């Protein structure tokens, strides 16, 4: 069970780091190509929505696991 928890923690860390890197990537491209700024802002919005959903699912899993264990 400990190994599964380590893998879950690594997966959550990967989601967090990936979201931050994607936001940085979009910020850089907004600075480089202002013509495409609307599309990159939309992509940034999608990253934030994904991150909120991912964290919500993670917290829901913790609540369910603590309730049944």
PDB file of N, CA and C in Angstrom:
ATOM      1  N   UNK A   1       0.820  -1.195   0.000  1.00  0.00           N
ATOM      2  CA  UNK A   1       0.000   0.000   0.000  1.00  0.00           C
ATOM      3  C   UNK A   1       0.867   1.262   0.000  1.00  0.00           C
ATOM      4  N   UNK A   2       2.029   1.158   0.636  1.00  0.00           N
ATOM      5  CA  UNK A   2       2.931   2.308   0.696  1.00  0.00           C
ATOM      6  C   UNK A   2       3.456   2.678  -0.691  1.00  0.00           C
ATOM      7  N   UNK A   3       3.715   1.667  -1.502  1.00  0.00           N
ATOM      8  CA  UNK A   3       4.213   1.896  -2.864  1.00  0.00           C
ATOM      9  C   UNK A   3       3.169   2.619  -3.722  1.00  0.00           C
ATOM     10  N   UNK A   4       1.903   2.250  -3.546  1.00  0.00           N
ATOM     11  CA  UNK A   4       0.826   2.897  -4.288  1.00  0.00           C
ATOM     12  C   UNK A   4       0.711   4.360  -3.875  1.00  0.00           C
ATOM     13  N   UNK A   5       0.853   4.635  -2.593  1.00  0.00           N
ATOM     14  CA  UNK A   5       0.790   6.015  -2.108  1.00  0.00           C
ATOM     15  C   UNK A   5       1.944   6.845  -2.664  1.00  0.00           C
ATOM     16  N   UNK A   6       3.127   6.266  -2.741  1.00  0.00           N
ATOM     17  CA  UNK A   6       4.279   6.970  -3.323  1.00  0.00           C
ATOM     18  C   UNK A   6       4.030   7.283  -4.795  1.00  0.00           C
ATOM     19  N   UNK A   7       3.447   6.353  -5.511  1.00  0.00           N
ATOM     20  CA  UNK A   7       3.143   6.584  -6.924  1.00  0.00           C
ATOM     21  C   UNK A   7       2.079   7.669  -7.088  1.00  0.00           C
ATOM     22  N   UNK A   8       1.089   7.671  -6.226  1.00  0.00           N
ATOM     23  CA  UNK A   8       0.044   8.697  -6.276  1.00  0.00           C
ATOM     24  C   UNK A   8       0.628  10.076  -5.978  1.00  0.00           C
ATOM     25  N   UNK A   9       1.509  10.147  -4.985  1.00  0.00           N
ATOM     26  CA  UNK A   9       2.158  11.424  -4.662  1.00  0.00           C
ATOM     27  C   UNK A   9       3.021  11.923  -5.821  1.00  0.00           C
ATOM     28  N   UNK A  10       3.709  11.012  -6.476  1.00  0.00           N
ATOM     29  CA  UNK A  10       4.526  11.389  -7.634  1.00  0.00           C
ATOM     30  C   UNK A  10       3.645  11.883  -8.781  1.00  0.00           C
ATOM     31  N   UNK A  11       2.503  11.251  -8.959  1.00  0.00           N
ATOM     32  CA  UNK A  11       1.586  11.656 -10.023  1.00  0.00           C
ATOM     33  C   UNK A  11       1.037  13.062  -9.764  1.00  0.00           C
ATOM     34  N   UNK A  12       0.683  13.346  -8.527  1.00  0.00           N
ATOM     35  CA  UNK A  12       0.179  14.676  -8.178  1.00  0.00           C
ATOM     36  C   UNK A  12       1.278  15.717  -8.369  1.00  0.00           C
ATOM     37  N   UNK A  13       2.490  15.386  -7.980  1.00  0.00           N
ATOM     38  CA  UNK A  13       3.610  16.303  -8.188  1.00  0.00           C
ATOM     39  C   UNK A  13       3.821  16.570  -9.672  1.00  0.00           C
ATOM     40  N   UNK A  14       3.698  15.545 -10.477  1.00  0.00           N
ATOM     41  CA  UNK A  14       3.837  15.694 -11.923  1.00  0.00           C
ATOM     42  C   UNK A  14       2.757  16.612 -12.493  1.00  0.00           C
ATOM     43  N   UNK A  15       1.533  16.479 -12.005  1.00  0.00           N
ATOM     44  CA  UNK A  15       0.447  17.355 -12.460  1.00  0.00           C
ATOM     45  C   UNK A  15       0.744  18.803 -12.096  1.00  0.00           C
ATOM     46  N   UNK A  16       1.183  19.035 -10.870  1.00  0.00           N
ATOM     47  CA  UNK A  16       1.463  20.404 -10.420  1.00  0.00           C
ATOM     48  C   UNK A  16       2.600  21.039 -11.213  1.00  0.00           C
ATOM     49  N   UNK A  17       3.675  20.305 -11.381  1.00  0.00           N
ATOM     50  CA  UNK A  17       4.824  20.831 -12.120  1.00  0.00           C
ATOM     51  C   UNK A  17       4.463  21.046 -13.585  1.00  0.00           C
ATOM     52  N   UNK A  18       3.726  20.118 -14.164  1.00  0.00           N
ATOM     53  CA  UNK A  18       3.317  20.251 -15.561  1.00  0.00           C
ATOM     54  C   UNK A  18       2.434  21.463 -15.792  1.00  0.00           C
ATOM     55  N   UNK A  19       1.515  21.724 -14.868  1.00  0.00           N
ATOM     56  CA  UNK A  19       0.643  22.890 -15.004  1.00  0.00           C
ATOM     57  C   UNK A  19       1.442  24.184 -14.913  1.00  0.00           C
ATOM     58  N   UNK A  20       2.372  24.241 -13.985  1.00  0.00           N
ATOM     59  CA  UNK A  20       3.191  25.452 -13.836  1.00  0.00           C
ATOM     60  C   UNK A  20       4.055  25.663 -15.076  1.00  0.00           C
ATOM     61  N   UNK A  21       4.668  24.600 -15.571  1.00  0.00           N
ATOM     62  CA  UNK A  21       5.510  24.735 -16.764  1.00  0.00           C
ATOM     63  C   UNK A  21       4.690  25.148 -17.987  1.00  0.00           C
ATOM     64  N   UNK A  22       3.479  24.635 -18.101  1.00  0.00           N
ATOM     65  CA  UNK A  22       2.620  25.018 -19.224  1.00  0.00           C
ATOM     66  C   UNK A  22       2.244  26.493 -19.135  1.00  0.00           C
ATOM     67  N   UNK A  23       1.967  26.980 -17.919  1.00  0.00           N
ATOM     68  CA  UNK A  23       1.662  28.401 -17.756  1.00  0.00           C
ATOM     69  C   UNK A  23       2.865  29.267 -18.111  1.00  0.00           C
ATOM     70  N   UNK A  24       4.053  28.869 -17.684  1.00  0.00           N
ATOM     71  CA  UNK A  24       5.265  29.620 -18.018  1.00  0.00           C
ATOM     72  C   UNK A  24       5.476  29.624 -19.529  1.00  0.00           C
ATOM     73  N   UNK A  25       5.263  28.475 -20.169  1.00  0.00           N
ATOM     74  CA  UNK A  25       5.392  28.371 -21.623  1.00  0.00           C
ATOM     75  C   UNK A  25       4.435  29.333 -22.324  1.00  0.00           C
ATOM     76  N   UNK A  26       3.195  29.397 -21.856  1.00  0.00           N
ATOM     77  CA  UNK A  26       2.216  30.297 -22.465  1.00  0.00           C
ATOM     78  C   UNK A  26       2.590  31.756 -22.245  1.00  0.00           C
ATOM     79  N   UNK A  27       3.072  32.086 -21.031  1.00  0.00           N
ATOM     80  CA  UNK A  27       3.510  33.461 -20.772  1.00  0.00           C
ATOM     81  C   UNK A  27       4.656  33.857 -21.697  1.00  0.00           C
ATOM     82  N   UNK A  28       5.580  32.958 -21.913  1.00  0.00           N
ATOM     83  CA  UNK A  28       6.714  33.249 -22.799  1.00  0.00           C
ATOM     84  C   UNK A  28       6.226  33.493 -24.217  1.00  0.00           C
ATOM     85  N   UNK A  29       5.315  32.666 -24.697  1.00  0.00           N
ATOM     86  CA  UNK A  29       4.824  32.830 -26.059  1.00  0.00           C
ATOM     87  C   UNK A  29       3.948  34.062 -26.221  1.00  0.00           C
ATOM     88  N   UNK A  30       3.277  34.485 -25.165  1.00  0.00           N
ATOM     89  CA  UNK A  30       2.527  35.745 -25.240  1.00  0.00           C
ATOM     90  C   UNK A  30       3.504  36.901 -25.416  1.00  0.00           C
ATOM     91  N   UNK A  31       4.635  36.847 -24.728  1.00  0.00           N
ATOM     92  CA  UNK A  31       5.639  37.896 -24.863  1.00  0.00           C
ATOM     93  C   UNK A  31       6.313  37.903 -26.216  1.00  0.00           C
ATOM     94  N   UNK A  32       6.453  36.738 -26.819  1.00  0.00           N
ATOM     95  CA  UNK A  32       7.125  36.641 -28.114  1.00  0.00           C
ATOM     96  C   UNK A  32       6.201  37.030 -29.257  1.00  0.00           C
ATOM     97  N   UNK A  33       4.986  36.469 -29.254  1.00  0.00           N
ATOM     98  CA  UNK A  33       4.060  36.664 -30.372  1.00  0.00           C
ATOM     99  C   UNK A  33       2.744  37.222 -29.849  1.00  0.00           C
ATOM    100  N   UNK A  34       2.630  38.543 -29.872  1.00  0.00           N
ATOM    101  CA  UNK A  34       1.436  39.183 -29.338  1.00  0.00           C
ATOM    102  C   UNK A  34       0.209  38.965 -30.219  1.00  0.00           C
ATOM    103  N   UNK A  35       0.398  38.580 -31.467  1.00  0.00           N
ATOM    104  CA  UNK A  35      -0.737  38.300 -32.343  1.00  0.00           C
ATOM    105  C   UNK A  35      -1.502  37.069 -31.875  1.00  0.00           C
ATOM    106  N   UNK A  36      -0.819  36.131 -31.271  1.00  0.00           N
ATOM    107  CA  UNK A  36      -1.422  34.887 -30.801  1.00  0.00           C
ATOM    108  C   UNK A  36      -1.790  34.945 -29.316  1.00  0.00           C
ATOM    109  N   UNK A  37      -1.776  36.121 -28.730  1.00  0.00           N
ATOM    110  CA  UNK A  37      -1.994  36.222 -27.281  1.00  0.00           C
ATOM    111  C   UNK A  37      -3.385  35.751 -26.869  1.00  0.00           C
ATOM    112  N   UNK A  38      -4.376  35.945 -27.710  1.00  0.00           N
ATOM    113  CA  UNK A  38      -5.731  35.506 -27.367  1.00  0.00           C
ATOM    114  C   UNK A  38      -5.775  33.984 -27.225  1.00  0.00           C
ATOM    115  N   UNK A  39      -5.149  33.277 -28.150  1.00  0.00           N
ATOM    116  CA  UNK A  39      -5.174  31.815 -28.083  1.00  0.00           C
ATOM    117  C   UNK A  39      -4.354  31.298 -26.903  1.00  0.00           C
ATOM    118  N   UNK A  40      -3.243  31.960 -26.582  1.00  0.00           N
ATOM    119  CA  UNK A  40      -2.438  31.517 -25.441  1.00  0.00           C
ATOM    120  C   UNK A  40      -3.133  31.824 -24.116  1.00  0.00           C
ATOM    121  N   UNK A  41      -3.882  32.910 -24.043  1.00  0.00           N
ATOM    122  CA  UNK A  41      -4.654  33.198 -22.837  1.00  0.00           C
ATOM    123  C   UNK A  41      -5.745  32.147 -22.645  1.00  0.00           C
ATOM    124  N   UNK A  42      -6.336  31.708 -23.744  1.00  0.00           N
ATOM    125  CA  UNK A  42      -7.347  30.656 -23.672  1.00  0.00           C
ATOM    126  C   UNK A  42      -6.711  29.342 -23.204  1.00  0.00           C
ATOM    127  N   UNK A  43      -5.525  29.053 -23.697  1.00  0.00           N
ATOM    128  CA  UNK A  43      -4.812  27.847 -23.261  1.00  0.00           C
ATOM    129  C   UNK A  43      -4.466  27.928 -21.783  1.00  0.00           C
ATOM    130  N   UNK A  44      -4.079  29.117 -21.321  1.00  0.00           N
ATOM    131  CA  UNK A  44      -3.767  29.288 -19.910  1.00  0.00           C
ATOM    132  C   UNK A  44      -5.012  29.064 -19.053  1.00  0.00           C
ATOM    133  N   UNK A  45      -6.144  29.532 -19.533  1.00  0.00           N
ATOM    134  CA  UNK A  45      -7.398  29.316 -18.810  1.00  0.00           C
ATOM    135  C   UNK A  45      -7.704  27.833 -18.709  1.00  0.00           C
ATOM    136  N   UNK A  46      -7.473  27.099 -19.787  1.00  0.00           N
ATOM    137  CA  UNK A  46      -7.717  25.658 -19.781  1.00  0.00           C
ATOM    138  C   UNK A  46      -6.775  24.938 -18.810  1.00  0.00           C
ATOM    139  N   UNK A  47      -5.542  25.398 -18.714  1.00  0.00           N
ATOM    140  CA  UNK A  47      -4.592  24.798 -17.768  1.00  0.00           C
ATOM    141  C   UNK A  47      -5.071  25.017 -16.335  1.00  0.00           C
ATOM    142  N   UNK A  48      -5.542  26.199 -16.033  1.00  0.00           N
ATOM    143  CA  UNK A  48      -6.025  26.497 -14.677  1.00  0.00           C
ATOM    144  C   UNK A  48      -7.246  25.643 -14.359  1.00  0.00           C
ATOM    145  N   UNK A  49      -8.159  25.508 -15.307  1.00  0.00           N
ATOM    146  CA  UNK A  49      -9.343  24.670 -15.101  1.00  0.00           C
ATOM    147  C   UNK A  49      -8.924  23.222 -14.875  1.00  0.00           C
ATOM    148  N   UNK A  50      -7.991  22.716 -15.663  1.00  0.00           N
ATOM    149  CA  UNK A  50      -7.496  21.357 -15.485  1.00  0.00           C
ATOM    150  C   UNK A  50      -6.891  21.185 -14.099  1.00  0.00           C
ATOM    151  N   UNK A  51      -6.101  22.151 -13.678  1.00  0.00           N
ATOM    152  CA  UNK A  51      -5.446  22.060 -12.372  1.00  0.00           C
ATOM    153  C   UNK A  51      -6.469  22.043 -11.233  1.00  0.00           C
ATOM    154  N   UNK A  52      -7.486  22.873 -11.335  1.00  0.00           N
ATOM    155  CA  UNK A  52      -8.525  22.901 -10.301  1.00  0.00           C
ATOM    156  C   UNK A  52      -9.243  21.558 -10.243  1.00  0.00           C
ATOM    157  N   UNK A  53      -9.585  20.994 -11.393  1.00  0.00           N
ATOM    158  CA  UNK A  53     -10.234  19.685 -11.415  1.00  0.00           C
ATOM    159  C   UNK A  53      -9.324  18.597 -10.855  1.00  0.00           C
ATOM    160  N   UNK A  54      -8.059  18.628 -11.217  1.00  0.00           N
ATOM    161  CA  UNK A  54      -7.127  17.608 -10.742  1.00  0.00           C
ATOM    162  C   UNK A  54      -6.969  17.673  -9.228  1.00  0.00           C
ATOM    163  N   UNK A  55      -6.835  18.859  -8.686  1.00  0.00           N
ATOM    164  CA  UNK A  55      -6.715  19.000  -7.239  1.00  0.00           C
ATOM    165  C   UNK A  55      -8.011  18.621  -6.536  1.00  0.00           C
ATOM    166  N   UNK A  56      -9.141  18.940  -7.139  1.00  0.00           N
ATOM    167  CA  UNK A  56     -10.428  18.578  -6.548  1.00  0.00           C
ATOM    168  C   UNK A  56     -10.593  17.067  -6.484  1.00  0.00           C
ATOM    169  N   UNK A  57     -10.230  16.393  -7.541  1.00  0.00           N
ATOM    170  CA  UNK A  57     -10.319  14.939  -7.565  1.00  0.00           C
ATOM    171  C   UNK A  57      -9.392  14.346  -6.512  1.00  0.00           C
ATOM    172  N   UNK A  58      -8.189  14.898  -6.388  1.00  0.00           N
ATOM    173  CA  UNK A  58      -7.233  14.401  -5.401  1.00  0.00           C
ATOM    174  C   UNK A  58      -7.795  14.568  -3.990  1.00  0.00           C
ATOM    175  N   UNK A  59      -8.382  15.718  -3.683  1.00  0.00           N
ATOM    176  CA  UNK A  59      -8.952  15.952  -2.357  1.00  0.00           C
ATOM    177  C   UNK A  59     -10.158  15.048  -2.112  1.00  0.00           C
ATOM    178  N   UNK A  60     -10.962  14.830  -3.116  1.00  0.00           N
ATOM    179  CA  UNK A  60     -12.106  13.930  -2.998  1.00  0.00           C
ATOM    180  C   UNK A  60     -11.644  12.510  -2.702  1.00  0.00           C
ATOM    181  N   UNK A  61     -10.578  12.082  -3.345  1.00  0.00           N
ATOM    182  CA  UNK A  61     -10.019  10.754  -3.087  1.00  0.00           C
ATOM    183  C   UNK A  61      -9.556  10.641  -1.642  1.00  0.00           C
ATOM    184  N   UNK A  62      -8.904  11.677  -1.141  1.00  0.00           N
ATOM    185  CA  UNK A  62      -8.445  11.662   0.254  1.00  0.00           C
ATOM    186  C   UNK A  62      -9.612  11.600   1.233  1.00  0.00           C
ATOM    187  N   UNK A  63     -10.670  12.318   0.952  1.00  0.00           N
ATOM    188  CA  UNK A  63     -11.838  12.307   1.821  1.00  0.00           C
ATOM    189  C   UNK A  63     -12.469  10.923   1.837  1.00  0.00           C
ATOM    190  N   UNK A  64     -12.619  10.325   0.667  1.00  0.00           N
ATOM    191  CA  UNK A  64     -13.219   8.997   0.579  1.00  0.00           C
ATOM    192  C   UNK A  64     -12.340   7.958   1.271  1.00  0.00           C
ATOM    193  N   UNK A  65     -11.045   8.031   1.059  1.00  0.00           N
ATOM    194  CA  UNK A  65     -10.138   7.066   1.684  1.00  0.00           C
ATOM    195  C   UNK A  65     -10.145   7.219   3.212  1.00  0.00           C
ATOM    196  N   UNK A  66     -10.189   8.421   3.725  1.00  0.00           N
ATOM    197  CA  UNK A  66     -10.213   8.606   5.174  1.00  0.00           C
ATOM    198  C   UNK A  66     -11.549   8.167   5.762  1.00  0.00           C
ATOM    199  N   UNK A  67     -12.611   8.268   5.006  1.00  0.00           N
ATOM    200  CA  UNK A  67     -13.921   7.856   5.494  1.00  0.00           C
ATOM    201  C   UNK A  67     -14.012   6.330   5.618  1.00  0.00           C
ATOM    202  N   UNK A  68     -13.484   5.613   4.652  1.00  0.00           N
ATOM    203  CA  UNK A  68     -13.612   4.165   4.647  1.00  0.00           C
ATOM    204  C   UNK A  68     -12.465   3.438   5.347  1.00  0.00           C
ATOM    205  N   UNK A  69     -11.433   4.124   5.744  1.00  0.00           N
ATOM    206  CA  UNK A  69     -10.310   3.433   6.393  1.00  0.00           C
ATOM    207  C   UNK A  69     -10.217   3.774   7.838  1.00  0.00           C
TER     208      UNK A  69
END
